[in-house]
Amino acid sequence: TGIHADYITVMNFSATCSFYRSLLAPLIFSKIVLRDTPKSGASITAIAKGKHRDIVKELHLQFIGSTNEESSDTGSELSDEHVRNFKEDPILPLSVRAILSNLNGPDRLFPSLESVIVEIDFDEAKWYDHWGEDIMQEEYESVDKAVEVECSDAWRALLCETFEALSNNVENKCAGNGHKPHSFSAFKIAKLQPVRISAFSSDNWKSLLTNHVKEFTLQLVPF
């Protein structure tokens, strides 16, 4: 009809029969959303193994950071969070980590992927209560200090693990013989909180931005 339908309407309409499912697939699967839960990881993995994997052009990460006593909606409560070591017991589900680590190379999950967007949502008031005072003092963390904090704080661990997984893409072999590298070309980080993230100091991260990404956008949350 030429009238834009919202995503849910398109999804429901595509479920009526195989013809409309095939017809609307480019609208449904061109942009997919990954959340930091085992259920979402399983869903995106299923798409990567299905017939619509070549349609996916944009992967949007919508994670939830928390300063509370619970993990970022991974389904497990952290009753002893004060003694939990996130380096030994990661907060990011394995299925989600596997997806983020396999977006580059000839065997990448989505051959037509062009863009990756990272957006870690959070409760702004609680975040400033928890971290704002330290940041306003303009005392910058060292990398070693950031690693220490990431071992004990769920939200900081989620930030680090997310970017560590993405930086693993440089380890995948790109096409040789002058062919175009098998990699997403646009990378955006939206609403990033101004804290030190140890993963940003790794050689893999620097190589990802230098040798694989053509367009990089960084949006910081203002004070």
Protein backbone atom coordinates (compact mmCIF):
# COMPACT_ATOMS: atom_id res chain seq x y z
CA THR A 1 0.00 0.00 0.00
CA GLY A 2 3.03 2.26 0.31
CA ILE A 3 2.23 2.88 3.98
CA HIS A 4 4.96 1.98 6.46
CA ALA A 5 3.90 -0.76 8.87
CA ASP A 6 5.54 -1.20 12.24
CA TYR A 7 7.79 -4.17 12.85
CA ILE A 8 5.31 -6.21 14.91
CA THR A 9 2.65 -5.84 12.22
CA VAL A 10 5.09 -7.04 9.58
CA MET A 11 6.09 -10.00 11.78
CA ASN A 12 2.47 -11.00 12.34
CA PHE A 13 1.62 -10.65 8.68
CA SER A 14 4.62 -12.74 7.66
CA ALA A 15 3.40 -15.57 9.89
CA THR A 16 0.23 -16.06 7.84
CA CYS A 17 1.87 -18.16 5.11
CA SER A 18 5.19 -19.09 3.56
CA PHE A 19 4.68 -16.72 0.61
CA TYR A 20 4.44 -13.62 2.79
CA ARG A 21 7.20 -14.93 5.03
CA SER A 22 9.52 -15.04 2.04
CA LEU A 23 8.27 -11.71 0.68
CA LEU A 24 8.77 -9.84 3.97
CA ALA A 25 12.00 -11.53 5.05
CA PRO A 26 14.22 -8.62 3.85
CA LEU A 27 12.26 -6.26 6.12
CA ILE A 28 12.28 -8.59 9.11
CA PHE A 29 15.86 -9.83 9.05
CA SER A 30 17.83 -6.91 7.59
CA LYS A 31 18.26 -5.53 11.12
CA ILE A 32 18.35 -7.85 14.12
CA VAL A 33 18.58 -7.04 17.82
CA LEU A 34 20.79 -8.98 20.22
CA ARG A 35 20.25 -8.72 23.97
CA ASP A 36 22.52 -9.97 26.74
CA THR A 37 20.39 -13.01 27.61
CA PRO A 38 20.73 -16.73 26.77
CA LYS A 39 17.31 -16.64 25.07
CA SER A 40 18.31 -13.83 22.74
CA GLY A 41 21.64 -15.51 22.02
CA ALA A 42 19.83 -18.70 21.03
CA SER A 43 17.45 -16.79 18.75
CA ILE A 44 20.22 -14.95 16.90
CA THR A 45 22.22 -18.18 16.60
CA ALA A 46 19.17 -19.81 15.01
CA ILE A 47 18.99 -17.00 12.44
CA ALA A 48 22.72 -17.45 11.71
CA LYS A 49 22.07 -21.12 10.95
CA GLY A 50 18.93 -20.48 8.88
CA LYS A 51 18.16 -19.54 5.31
CA HIS A 52 17.84 -15.81 6.10
CA ARG A 53 21.39 -15.31 7.39
CA ASP A 54 22.46 -13.59 4.15
CA ILE A 55 19.77 -10.93 4.62
CA VAL A 56 21.17 -9.58 7.89
CA LYS A 57 22.94 -6.25 7.34
CA GLU A 58 22.83 -4.67 10.79
CA LEU A 59 23.34 -6.14 14.25
CA HIS A 60 22.12 -3.92 17.08
CA LEU A 61 23.30 -4.84 20.57
CA GLN A 62 20.86 -3.63 23.22
CA PHE A 63 22.31 -4.61 26.58
CA ILE A 64 21.21 -3.53 30.04
CA GLY A 65 23.88 -2.35 32.47
CA SER A 66 23.08 -2.43 36.18
CA THR A 67 24.60 -1.15 39.40
CA ASN A 68 22.18 -3.27 41.42
CA GLU A 69 22.66 -6.63 43.13
CA GLU A 70 21.64 -8.53 40.01
CA SER A 71 23.34 -9.31 36.74
CA SER A 72 22.28 -7.66 33.49
CA ASP A 73 19.15 -9.75 32.99
CA THR A 74 21.08 -12.96 32.36
CA GLY A 75 18.67 -14.91 34.50
CA SER A 76 20.95 -15.43 37.51
CA GLU A 77 20.87 -13.47 40.74
CA LEU A 78 24.17 -12.51 42.29
CA SER A 79 23.55 -13.19 45.97
CA ASP A 80 27.29 -12.99 46.64
CA GLU A 81 28.20 -10.37 44.06
CA HIS A 82 30.70 -8.76 46.42
CA VAL A 83 32.89 -11.86 46.22
CA ARG A 84 32.22 -12.85 42.64
CA ASN A 85 35.13 -12.54 40.22
CA PHE A 86 33.72 -11.72 36.79
CA LYS A 87 37.02 -12.55 35.11
CA GLU A 88 36.67 -16.11 36.36
CA ASP A 89 32.88 -16.26 36.09
CA PRO A 90 31.85 -14.00 33.15
CA ILE A 91 28.51 -12.24 33.11
CA LEU A 92 27.97 -12.35 29.34
CA PRO A 93 26.18 -15.58 28.22
CA LEU A 94 28.37 -17.90 26.15
CA SER A 95 25.94 -17.84 23.22
CA VAL A 96 26.09 -14.04 23.08
CA ARG A 97 29.87 -14.02 23.37
CA ALA A 98 30.13 -16.54 20.51
CA ILE A 99 28.00 -14.31 18.27
CA LEU A 100 30.02 -11.18 18.99
CA SER A 101 33.28 -13.01 18.34
CA ASN A 102 32.26 -14.35 14.92
CA LEU A 103 31.25 -11.34 12.84
CA ASN A 104 34.38 -11.29 10.72
CA GLY A 105 36.23 -13.71 8.45
CA PRO A 106 35.12 -16.06 5.67
CA ASP A 107 33.16 -18.21 8.13
CA ARG A 108 31.39 -15.31 9.82
CA LEU A 109 27.82 -15.81 11.00
CA PHE A 110 26.28 -13.15 8.74
CA PRO A 111 27.99 -12.84 5.32
CA SER A 112 26.24 -9.57 4.38
CA LEU A 113 26.70 -7.80 7.72
CA GLU A 114 27.59 -4.13 7.20
CA SER A 115 26.99 -2.43 10.53
CA VAL A 116 27.27 -3.17 14.25
CA ILE A 117 25.71 -0.88 16.87
CA VAL A 118 26.45 -1.25 20.58
CA GLU A 119 24.03 0.35 23.03
CA ILE A 120 24.21 -0.49 26.73
CA ASP A 121 21.22 1.03 28.47
CA PHE A 122 21.21 1.95 32.14
CA ASP A 123 19.33 3.80 34.85
CA GLU A 124 20.90 7.24 34.60
CA ALA A 125 20.02 8.35 38.15
CA LYS A 126 21.37 5.17 39.75
CA TRP A 127 24.46 5.30 37.55
CA TYR A 128 25.37 8.84 38.62
CA ASP A 129 24.74 7.95 42.26
CA HIS A 130 27.10 4.99 41.89
CA TRP A 131 29.86 6.43 39.65
CA GLY A 132 29.16 10.11 39.03
CA GLU A 133 31.09 11.53 41.98
CA ASP A 134 34.27 9.65 41.08
CA ILE A 135 34.12 10.84 37.47
CA MET A 136 33.42 14.47 38.38
CA GLN A 137 36.63 14.47 40.43
CA GLU A 138 38.49 14.01 37.13
CA GLU A 139 40.66 11.26 38.56
CA TYR A 140 41.28 8.99 35.60
CA GLU A 141 41.56 5.27 36.22
CA SER A 142 44.60 3.36 35.11
CA VAL A 143 44.10 0.22 33.04
CA ASP A 144 45.12 -1.92 36.01
CA LYS A 145 42.55 -0.20 38.21
CA ALA A 146 39.86 -0.71 35.55
CA VAL A 147 40.64 -4.44 35.43
CA GLU A 148 40.31 -4.58 39.22
CA VAL A 149 36.91 -2.90 39.11
CA GLU A 150 35.74 -5.08 36.21
CA CYS A 151 36.42 -8.14 38.35
CA SER A 152 33.92 -7.07 41.00
CA ASP A 153 31.31 -4.80 39.38
CA ALA A 154 28.64 -6.37 37.15
CA TRP A 155 28.04 -3.33 34.98
CA ARG A 156 31.73 -2.62 34.36
CA ALA A 157 32.29 -6.32 33.67
CA LEU A 158 29.52 -6.25 31.05
CA LEU A 159 31.16 -3.31 29.27
CA CYS A 160 34.54 -5.00 29.20
CA GLU A 161 33.27 -8.43 28.13
CA THR A 162 31.21 -6.94 25.31
CA PHE A 163 34.14 -5.12 23.72
CA GLU A 164 36.55 -7.97 24.40
CA ALA A 165 34.26 -10.30 22.44
CA LEU A 166 33.96 -7.83 19.56
CA SER A 167 37.73 -7.34 19.41
CA ASN A 168 38.15 -11.09 18.93
CA ASN A 169 37.05 -10.58 15.33
CA VAL A 170 40.56 -9.51 14.33
CA GLU A 171 41.71 -13.08 15.01
CA ASN A 172 39.51 -14.39 12.22
CA LYS A 173 41.29 -14.69 8.89
CA CYS A 174 40.18 -12.28 6.19
CA ALA A 175 40.16 -13.06 2.52
CA GLY A 176 43.58 -12.98 0.89
CA ASN A 177 44.85 -12.36 -2.62
CA GLY A 178 43.65 -8.77 -2.64
CA HIS A 179 40.03 -9.67 -2.00
CA LYS A 180 37.83 -7.50 0.19
CA PRO A 181 38.12 -8.39 3.91
CA HIS A 182 35.15 -10.25 5.33
CA SER A 183 34.14 -7.71 7.96
CA PHE A 184 31.45 -5.24 8.94
CA SER A 185 32.53 -1.75 7.85
CA ALA A 186 30.46 0.52 10.13
CA PHE A 187 30.74 0.41 13.90
CA LYS A 188 28.86 2.64 16.35
CA ILE A 189 28.95 2.80 20.13
CA ALA A 190 25.93 4.71 21.44
CA LYS A 191 25.53 6.26 24.90
CA LEU A 192 28.84 5.09 26.29
CA GLN A 193 29.46 6.09 29.91
CA PRO A 194 32.77 7.93 30.42
CA VAL A 195 34.68 5.28 32.35
CA ARG A 196 37.88 3.39 31.60
CA ILE A 197 37.30 0.10 29.75
CA SER A 198 40.35 -2.14 29.81
CA ALA A 199 39.40 -3.83 26.54
CA PHE A 200 40.04 -0.55 24.71
CA SER A 201 43.74 -0.83 25.54
CA SER A 202 44.21 -4.22 23.87
CA ASP A 203 46.06 -4.70 20.58
CA ASN A 204 43.05 -6.56 19.19
CA TRP A 205 40.77 -3.59 19.79
CA LYS A 206 43.19 -1.19 18.14
CA SER A 207 43.57 -3.54 15.18
CA LEU A 208 39.80 -3.87 14.80
CA LEU A 209 39.40 -0.11 14.41
CA THR A 210 42.54 0.36 12.33
CA ASN A 211 42.35 -2.53 9.88
CA HIS A 212 38.72 -3.62 9.69
CA VAL A 213 36.31 -0.75 10.37
CA LYS A 214 35.90 2.06 7.84
CA GLU A 215 33.38 4.18 9.73
CA PHE A 216 33.49 4.48 13.52
CA THR A 217 31.07 6.54 15.62
CA LEU A 218 31.42 7.07 19.37
CA GLN A 219 28.67 8.79 21.36
CA LEU A 220 29.51 9.58 24.99
CA VAL A 221 26.95 10.26 27.70
CA PRO A 222 27.45 13.88 28.85
CA PHE A 223 28.00 14.80 32.48
